[in-house]
Protein backbone atom coordinates (compact mmCIF):
# COMPACT_ATOMS: atom_id res chain seq x y z
CA MET A 1 -36.64 -37.51 4.86
CA HIS A 2 -35.98 -39.60 7.51
CA GLY A 3 -34.56 -43.22 6.59
CA VAL A 4 -33.74 -41.77 2.90
CA ASP A 5 -30.12 -41.57 1.72
CA ILE A 6 -30.39 -38.46 -0.57
CA LYS A 7 -27.00 -37.43 -2.15
CA PRO A 8 -25.93 -34.17 -3.30
CA GLN A 9 -26.12 -32.84 -6.50
CA LYS A 10 -23.31 -32.90 -9.23
CA LYS A 11 -21.91 -29.40 -9.38
CA ALA A 12 -22.40 -28.92 -13.69
CA VAL A 13 -20.12 -27.48 -16.19
CA LEU A 14 -21.00 -25.30 -18.73
CA ILE A 15 -19.16 -25.36 -21.85
CA LEU A 16 -18.76 -22.07 -23.82
CA LEU A 17 -18.84 -21.90 -27.35
CA PRO A 18 -18.85 -19.27 -30.01
CA PHE A 19 -21.01 -21.64 -32.27
CA ALA A 20 -21.69 -25.46 -32.39
CA VAL A 21 -19.99 -27.59 -35.30
CA GLU A 22 -20.76 -30.67 -36.71
CA GLY A 23 -18.72 -33.44 -35.09
CA SER A 24 -16.05 -31.29 -33.47
CA LEU A 25 -14.16 -32.77 -30.66
CA ILE A 26 -15.81 -30.70 -27.81
CA VAL A 27 -19.12 -31.77 -28.48
CA ARG A 28 -18.30 -35.10 -28.68
CA ILE A 29 -16.72 -35.08 -25.35
CA ALA A 30 -19.94 -33.44 -24.04
CA ARG A 31 -22.36 -35.60 -25.30
CA ALA A 32 -20.17 -38.71 -24.14
CA LEU A 33 -19.77 -37.10 -20.50
CA ARG A 34 -23.58 -36.39 -20.52
CA ALA A 35 -24.21 -40.06 -21.71
CA ARG A 36 -22.30 -41.10 -18.62
CA GLY A 37 -24.59 -38.73 -16.49
CA GLU A 38 -22.18 -36.01 -16.09
CA PRO A 39 -23.91 -32.75 -15.86
CA ILE A 40 -23.08 -31.02 -18.96
CA LEU A 41 -24.42 -28.22 -20.63
CA CYS A 42 -23.48 -25.36 -23.92
CA MET A 43 -23.49 -21.97 -24.50
CA ILE A 44 -23.32 -20.75 -28.00
CA GLN A 45 -22.59 -17.16 -28.97
CA GLN A 46 -24.36 -17.15 -32.34
CA ARG A 47 -25.75 -19.91 -34.99
CA GLU A 48 -23.90 -18.98 -38.03
CA THR A 49 -20.80 -21.26 -38.55
CA GLY A 50 -19.09 -20.06 -41.59
CA ALA A 51 -17.75 -22.39 -43.25
CA TYR A 52 -18.39 -25.07 -40.89
CA LYS A 53 -21.48 -27.51 -40.88
CA SER A 54 -23.74 -26.58 -37.62
CA ASP A 55 -24.73 -28.70 -34.85
CA GLU A 56 -28.22 -27.53 -33.71
CA LEU A 57 -27.75 -28.91 -30.35
CA ALA A 58 -30.64 -30.56 -30.36
CA ASP A 59 -30.46 -32.76 -27.31
CA PHE A 60 -29.22 -30.41 -25.41
CA ALA A 61 -31.94 -28.06 -26.11
CA GLU A 62 -34.58 -30.90 -25.55
CA THR A 63 -33.60 -31.23 -21.65
CA GLY A 64 -33.00 -27.68 -21.25
CA ASP A 65 -29.10 -27.54 -21.49
CA LEU A 66 -28.54 -25.15 -24.00
CA VAL A 67 -28.19 -21.68 -23.76
CA ASP A 68 -28.42 -19.76 -26.71
CA LEU A 69 -27.32 -16.11 -26.20
CA SER A 70 -27.78 -14.96 -30.11
CA LYS A 71 -31.58 -14.48 -28.54
CA HIS A 72 -30.44 -12.29 -26.28
CA ASN A 73 -29.55 -8.86 -26.55
CA PRO A 74 -25.35 -8.32 -25.84
CA ASP A 75 -26.04 -6.06 -22.89
CA THR A 76 -27.93 -8.76 -21.08
CA TRP A 77 -25.55 -11.74 -21.33
CA ARG A 78 -24.04 -11.02 -18.24
CA ALA A 79 -27.52 -11.51 -16.58
CA VAL A 80 -28.73 -14.47 -18.22
CA LEU A 81 -25.22 -16.31 -17.70
CA ILE A 82 -25.40 -15.09 -13.77
CA ASP A 83 -29.36 -16.49 -13.60
CA VAL A 84 -28.25 -19.68 -15.40
CA ILE A 85 -25.17 -20.85 -13.46
CA ALA A 86 -27.25 -19.74 -10.21
CA SER A 87 -30.19 -21.60 -11.38
CA ARG A 88 -28.67 -25.25 -12.84
CA SER A 89 -25.73 -25.10 -9.80
CA ILE A 90 -22.78 -25.23 -12.46
CA GLY A 91 -20.04 -24.74 -10.44
CA ALA A 92 -17.11 -24.28 -13.44
CA LEU A 93 -16.97 -22.43 -16.75
CA LEU A 94 -14.96 -24.07 -19.70
CA GLN A 95 -14.20 -21.61 -22.38
CA LEU A 96 -13.55 -22.74 -25.62
CA GLY A 97 -13.12 -19.92 -28.33
CA ALA A 98 -16.50 -17.90 -27.34
CA TYR A 99 -14.19 -14.79 -27.55
CA LEU A 100 -17.37 -12.00 -26.84
CA ILE A 101 -17.63 -13.92 -23.48
CA TYR A 102 -14.14 -13.18 -22.49
CA PRO A 103 -14.21 -9.73 -21.21
CA LEU A 104 -17.66 -11.00 -18.53
CA LEU A 105 -15.65 -14.19 -17.07
CA GLY A 106 -13.97 -11.57 -14.36
CA PHE A 107 -17.52 -10.16 -13.66
CA LEU A 108 -18.97 -13.45 -13.17
CA LYS A 109 -16.79 -14.34 -10.70
CA GLN A 110 -17.32 -11.35 -8.95
CA ASP A 111 -21.05 -12.37 -9.25
CA ILE A 112 -20.97 -15.77 -8.15
CA PRO A 113 -18.29 -16.23 -5.41
CA GLY A 114 -16.27 -19.63 -5.56
CA LEU A 115 -17.39 -19.89 -9.90
CA ARG A 116 -14.37 -21.83 -11.25
CA VAL A 117 -12.97 -21.06 -14.78
CA ALA A 118 -11.00 -22.74 -17.30
CA ASP A 119 -9.63 -21.88 -20.85
CA MET A 120 -9.11 -24.80 -23.37
CA LEU A 121 -6.18 -23.91 -25.65
CA TYR A 122 -5.89 -26.10 -28.52
CA ASN A 123 -2.50 -24.34 -30.13
CA PRO A 124 -0.92 -20.90 -30.38
CA VAL A 125 -3.25 -18.65 -32.41
CA GLY A 126 -6.92 -17.68 -32.25
CA HIS A 127 -8.06 -16.89 -28.93
CA MET A 128 -4.65 -17.19 -27.48
CA VAL A 129 -4.76 -13.75 -27.29
CA ARG A 130 -7.56 -12.83 -25.57
CA HIS A 131 -6.49 -15.37 -23.06
CA SER A 132 -3.53 -13.69 -22.33
CA ILE A 133 -5.85 -10.65 -21.89
CA TYR A 134 -8.04 -11.99 -19.60
CA GLU A 135 -5.73 -14.94 -17.69
CA GLY A 136 -6.12 -12.97 -14.59
CA ALA A 137 -10.11 -14.48 -14.38
CA ILE A 138 -9.02 -18.11 -15.41
CA ASP A 139 -7.95 -20.53 -12.75
CA CYS A 140 -6.74 -23.47 -15.35
CA VAL A 141 -5.84 -24.33 -18.69
CA PHE A 142 -6.63 -27.13 -20.29
CA VAL A 143 -4.04 -28.23 -22.87
CA GLU A 144 -3.97 -31.40 -26.00
CA SER A 145 0.10 -31.72 -25.87
CA ALA A 146 3.06 -31.68 -24.29
CA TYR A 147 4.21 -28.94 -26.22
CA MET A 148 1.03 -26.65 -25.30
CA ARG A 149 1.66 -27.03 -22.17
CA GLU A 150 4.97 -25.11 -22.46
CA VAL A 151 3.21 -22.38 -24.51
CA VAL A 152 1.42 -21.49 -22.32
CA ALA A 153 3.87 -22.00 -19.58
CA ALA A 154 5.97 -19.72 -21.37
CA SER A 155 3.41 -16.67 -21.47
CA THR A 156 1.89 -17.23 -18.59
CA ARG A 157 2.25 -14.03 -15.45
CA ILE A 158 0.46 -15.72 -13.49
CA PRO A 159 2.69 -17.84 -10.87
CA ASN A 160 2.30 -21.39 -10.67
CA ARG A 161 -0.32 -21.43 -13.77
CA THR A 162 -2.14 -24.56 -13.50
CA ILE A 163 -1.87 -26.24 -17.00
CA GLU A 164 -3.31 -30.24 -17.42
CA VAL A 165 -2.60 -32.28 -20.45
CA LEU A 166 -6.08 -33.83 -21.79
CA CYS A 167 -4.63 -35.68 -24.62
CA SER A 168 -7.53 -36.51 -27.64
CA GLY A 169 -8.38 -39.53 -28.86
CA ILE A 170 -11.05 -41.23 -31.00
CA ASP A 171 -13.64 -43.62 -31.51
CA LEU A 172 -10.98 -46.85 -32.99
CA ALA A 173 -14.53 -49.04 -33.70
CA ALA A 174 -15.31 -46.13 -36.13
CA PHE A 175 -11.97 -46.60 -38.41
CA VAL A 176 -10.25 -49.77 -39.01
CA PRO A 177 -8.01 -51.09 -41.67
CA LEU A 178 -8.88 -52.53 -44.62
CA ALA A 179 -8.90 -56.47 -44.74
CA THR A 180 -6.99 -56.28 -48.02
CA ARG A 181 -5.24 -53.55 -49.41
CA PRO A 182 -6.91 -53.23 -53.32
CA PRO A 183 -3.96 -53.74 -55.95
CA ARG A 184 -2.99 -49.69 -56.58
CA PRO A 185 0.17 -47.49 -57.17
CA LEU A 186 1.19 -46.39 -54.10
CA THR A 187 -0.88 -43.60 -52.99
CA LEU A 188 -0.01 -40.41 -51.01
CA GLY A 189 -3.17 -38.67 -49.70
CA PHE A 190 -3.61 -35.16 -47.87
CA VAL A 191 -6.98 -35.09 -46.01
CA GLY A 192 -8.18 -31.76 -44.55
CA ARG A 193 -9.35 -28.10 -44.44
CA PHE A 194 -7.41 -26.05 -47.26
CA SER A 195 -6.29 -23.37 -45.49
CA GLU A 196 -2.57 -21.95 -45.41
CA GLU A 197 -2.00 -23.07 -41.42
CA LYS A 198 -2.78 -26.81 -43.16
CA GLY A 199 -0.28 -26.38 -46.17
CA PRO A 200 -2.47 -27.84 -48.87
CA LEU A 201 -0.03 -26.20 -51.42
CA ASP A 202 2.82 -27.62 -50.18
CA PHE A 203 1.64 -31.52 -50.56
CA ILE A 204 0.81 -30.25 -54.59
CA ALA A 205 4.81 -28.96 -54.08
CA LEU A 206 5.58 -32.25 -52.85
CA ALA A 207 3.80 -34.33 -55.52
CA ASP A 208 5.92 -32.69 -58.07
CA ARG A 209 8.95 -33.02 -56.86
CA LEU A 210 8.67 -36.91 -56.20
CA THR A 211 7.00 -37.50 -59.88
CA GLU A 212 9.89 -35.66 -61.13
CA GLY A 213 12.26 -37.49 -58.81
CA GLY A 214 11.33 -40.53 -60.02
CA CYS A 215 8.81 -41.84 -58.05
CA ASN A 216 5.89 -44.02 -59.06
CA ALA A 217 3.72 -42.78 -56.33
CA GLN A 218 -0.50 -41.29 -57.14
CA PHE A 219 -1.53 -38.43 -55.11
CA ALA A 220 -4.80 -38.01 -53.67
CA VAL A 221 -7.04 -34.81 -52.22
CA PHE A 222 -9.77 -34.66 -49.61
CA GLY A 223 -11.10 -31.57 -48.16
CA SER A 224 -12.37 -28.31 -48.63
CA GLY A 225 -12.34 -24.51 -46.99
CA PRO A 226 -11.06 -21.22 -47.91
CA MET A 227 -8.15 -22.37 -50.83
CA GLU A 228 -10.31 -24.79 -52.72
CA GLY A 229 -9.64 -22.49 -55.60
CA ALA A 230 -6.08 -22.20 -55.56
CA MET A 231 -5.93 -25.92 -54.92
CA ARG A 232 -7.80 -26.94 -57.73
CA SER A 233 -5.88 -24.06 -60.08
CA ARG A 234 -2.64 -25.77 -58.44
CA CYS A 235 -3.38 -29.59 -58.82
CA ALA A 236 -4.52 -28.82 -62.81
CA SER A 237 -1.25 -26.81 -63.02
CA SER A 238 0.99 -29.37 -61.50
CA PRO A 239 3.47 -31.61 -63.86
CA ALA A 240 1.66 -34.53 -61.73
CA ALA A 241 -1.60 -33.57 -62.94
CA ASP A 242 -2.42 -36.56 -64.10
CA ARG A 243 -1.60 -38.54 -61.29
CA ILE A 244 -3.24 -36.04 -58.79
CA ALA A 245 -7.39 -37.35 -57.60
CA PHE A 246 -8.63 -34.12 -56.49
CA HIS A 247 -11.79 -35.89 -54.72
CA GLY A 248 -12.48 -31.89 -52.24
CA TYR A 249 -14.93 -32.39 -49.98
CA VAL A 250 -16.24 -35.91 -48.59
CA ASP A 251 -19.33 -36.95 -46.02
CA ASP A 252 -17.65 -39.37 -44.49
CA VAL A 253 -13.54 -39.23 -44.36
CA ARG A 254 -13.32 -43.07 -43.98
CA GLN A 255 -13.41 -42.70 -47.77
CA ALA A 256 -10.19 -41.01 -47.75
CA PHE A 257 -8.43 -43.44 -45.43
CA ALA A 258 -9.59 -46.03 -47.94
CA ALA A 259 -8.42 -44.36 -50.72
CA ILE A 260 -4.76 -43.66 -49.38
CA ASP A 261 -1.54 -45.72 -48.52
CA VAL A 262 -0.17 -42.54 -46.89
CA LEU A 263 -1.57 -39.57 -45.56
CA VAL A 264 0.83 -36.80 -45.86
CA LEU A 265 0.28 -33.91 -43.05
CA PRO A 266 2.21 -30.44 -44.84
CA SER A 267 0.89 -28.40 -41.65
CA ARG A 268 2.72 -25.37 -41.00
CA ALA A 269 0.88 -24.29 -37.60
CA ASP A 270 -1.28 -27.40 -35.98
CA GLY A 271 -2.20 -28.78 -32.17
CA ARG A 272 -2.96 -32.75 -31.95
CA PRO A 273 -4.91 -33.03 -35.22
CA VAL A 274 -7.54 -35.91 -35.32
CA ALA A 275 -6.82 -36.69 -39.10
CA VAL A 276 -3.40 -38.56 -37.49
CA MET A 277 -5.34 -40.23 -34.63
CA GLU A 278 -8.00 -41.70 -37.80
CA ALA A 279 -5.31 -42.30 -39.96
CA ALA A 280 -3.28 -44.97 -37.79
CA ALA A 281 -6.50 -46.65 -36.86
CA SER A 282 -7.33 -46.96 -40.23
CA GLY A 283 -3.82 -48.50 -40.88
CA VAL A 284 -2.39 -45.83 -42.83
CA PRO A 285 1.07 -44.78 -42.00
CA VAL A 286 1.76 -40.85 -41.58
CA ILE A 287 4.60 -38.23 -42.90
CA ALA A 288 4.15 -35.15 -40.60
CA ALA A 289 5.67 -32.13 -40.43
CA PRO A 290 7.09 -31.01 -36.79
CA VAL A 291 4.92 -28.64 -35.95
CA GLY A 292 2.66 -28.30 -33.00
CA GLY A 293 1.71 -31.59 -31.16
CA ILE A 294 2.33 -33.73 -34.02
CA PRO A 295 5.96 -35.14 -33.22
CA GLU A 296 4.07 -36.43 -30.09
CA MET A 297 1.61 -38.45 -31.84
CA ILE A 298 4.20 -40.20 -34.11
CA GLU A 299 6.93 -42.52 -33.08
CA ASP A 300 9.46 -42.89 -36.40
CA GLY A 301 9.01 -45.51 -38.64
CA VAL A 302 6.01 -47.28 -36.29
CA ASN A 303 2.68 -45.40 -37.35
CA GLY A 304 4.75 -42.97 -39.38
CA TRP A 305 8.10 -40.22 -39.62
CA ILE A 306 8.20 -36.63 -39.30
CA ALA A 307 9.73 -34.69 -41.62
CA ARG A 308 9.40 -31.27 -43.53
CA PRO A 309 7.18 -31.04 -46.61
CA ASN A 310 10.19 -29.76 -48.46
CA GLN A 311 12.38 -32.83 -47.35
CA PHE A 312 11.90 -34.30 -50.75
CA ASP A 313 15.01 -36.18 -50.63
CA ARG A 314 14.02 -38.12 -47.36
CA ILE A 315 10.73 -38.61 -48.33
CA GLY A 316 11.05 -39.74 -51.70
CA ALA A 317 13.66 -42.35 -49.91
CA LEU A 318 10.70 -43.28 -47.86
CA VAL A 319 7.86 -43.17 -50.45
CA THR A 320 10.37 -45.65 -52.47
CA GLU A 321 11.31 -48.12 -49.86
CA LEU A 322 7.47 -48.68 -49.60
CA GLU A 323 7.00 -49.05 -53.37
CA ARG A 324 9.47 -51.53 -54.11
CA ASP A 325 8.68 -53.20 -50.60
CA PRO A 326 5.31 -54.29 -50.13
CA ALA A 327 5.92 -56.20 -46.91
CA ARG A 328 7.22 -53.04 -45.11
CA LEU A 329 4.03 -51.33 -45.80
CA ALA A 330 1.64 -54.42 -44.77
CA LYS A 331 3.81 -53.78 -41.69
CA LEU A 332 3.36 -50.29 -40.85
CA ARG A 333 -0.67 -50.50 -41.82
CA ALA A 334 -0.51 -53.04 -38.42
CA ASP A 335 1.63 -51.57 -36.57
CA ALA A 336 -0.21 -47.99 -36.97
CA ARG A 337 -3.50 -49.54 -35.57
CA ALA A 338 -1.76 -51.06 -32.87
CA TYR A 339 0.08 -47.75 -32.15
CA ALA A 340 -3.51 -46.03 -32.36
CA GLU A 341 -4.75 -48.77 -29.86
CA ARG A 342 -1.80 -48.06 -27.57
CA HIS A 343 -2.14 -44.18 -27.58
CA PHE A 344 -5.74 -42.90 -29.31
CA ASP A 345 -8.59 -44.75 -27.31
CA GLU A 346 -11.06 -41.99 -27.23
CA ASN A 347 -12.54 -44.09 -23.82
CA ARG A 348 -9.00 -42.90 -22.02
CA MET A 349 -9.92 -39.00 -23.50
CA LEU A 350 -12.90 -39.23 -21.64
CA ASP A 351 -12.19 -41.37 -18.54
CA ALA A 352 -9.37 -38.25 -18.37
CA TYR A 353 -12.27 -34.90 -19.29
CA ALA A 354 -14.46 -36.61 -16.57
CA THR A 355 -11.66 -36.60 -13.78
CA ALA A 356 -11.03 -32.82 -14.82
CA PHE A 357 -14.10 -31.76 -15.44
CA ARG A 358 -15.71 -32.99 -11.83
CA ARG A 359 -12.04 -31.73 -10.03
CA LEU A 360 -13.12 -28.52 -11.44
CA ALA A 361 -16.61 -28.18 -10.75
CA ASP A 362 -16.24 -29.10 -7.27
CA GLN A 363 -13.51 -27.12 -6.20
CA GLN A 364 -15.65 -24.46 -5.08
CA LYS A 365 -13.22 -21.76 -3.62
CA PRO A 366 -13.47 -18.40 -3.54
CA VAL A 367 -10.37 -17.30 -5.88
CA ASP A 368 -8.75 -13.39 -5.87
CA PHE A 369 -8.42 -13.20 -9.42
CA ALA A 370 -7.72 -9.36 -11.49
CA MET A 371 -8.38 -9.41 -15.09
CA VAL A 372 -5.24 -8.18 -17.37
CA ALA A 373 -5.03 -5.72 -19.79
CA GLY A 374 -1.17 -5.27 -21.40
CA ASP A 375 1.41 -5.29 -18.74
CA GLN A 376 -0.93 -4.50 -15.25
CA PHE A 377 -3.76 -5.88 -13.62
CA VAL A 378 -6.26 -3.34 -13.60
CA LEU A 379 -9.40 -5.04 -12.22
CA SER A 380 -9.84 -6.78 -9.24
CA GLU A 381 -12.96 -8.27 -7.71
CA ARG A 382 -11.80 -5.79 -4.47
CA ALA A 383 -11.51 -2.75 -6.76
CA VAL A 384 -14.73 -3.23 -8.10
CA GLY A 385 -16.15 -3.88 -5.29
CA ALA A 386 -14.78 -0.66 -3.64
CA GLY A 387 -15.94 1.61 -6.83
CA LEU A 388 -12.57 1.89 -7.82
CA ALA A 389 -13.73 0.47 -11.54
């Protein structure tokens, strides 16, 4: 039309999920970017979420931006995705653990030349194995930490693999320190999932040793998960049982941070745990194990300390110092909040994700790719086209 400036349609990003979990980081990011005007769609493999609470993604469904593969025969998934990608002007796929879709990635790129694929890897476990198998069909990798960047760089067989660090953040306004700390004994808390990698039983072992060593601290346990039975039993049989308050699952995690003075994170494996950010924003310093991306999130003596859960003497000395010096604890509370404001602001995270998504979706270049199996490239675009695979 003469005189009318028609702007080209933005290429969209389709996020591939195994299922949607309420409160999950990527769903929060997707919603926030949609509110900014970014075209984001979500795909789920299944509705069942196991122990997690499901997010129905009703807002995505209302706008036609939800692809529910559970409604389709798996034999048709490739055709369903091709139709969605072509009809919705999707420029990129972001793989986030949709494990059944990995084998389709190479075929989708063959079907739609120029389609870009990114994989989000939070830690070295889980779908890292499938990523390694199919990495030839993946254009770039997003990670949350410098630690994971090194893990991916060390394991990839793709020359000059593009790996981008996108640090997560939280809504700082939703987590604020208590105006006045209530009168109570110094309270150490575990807040998280009761699963082996989070080390919840190590927290109880620490409570035992601190109590036996003469610390006057109290302990509080918040969370749920597959090890809940073992946690309840261990808390009840602990020499520190009369000092351990087992709260279990809470609807609002802010209740947990209001009830503790120090968060203990005895993780055996982790990525960039949200609990560290939420604790700091709540004015709660953290004692955390040096695993995954955790050391990048804590500055010793500012918003907490890095210490292994079995470093009983060191942790005991830190706890004793805080018990004896309320002014030190008060300064730590203020410093932790200030650290969160400098490093964990959700707005900076959203800016980074928006930039990365836009660059990925708009980079429409046909890519010569190969799917990887074992140590050999066994399926390439040219081989498929020639009928050799």
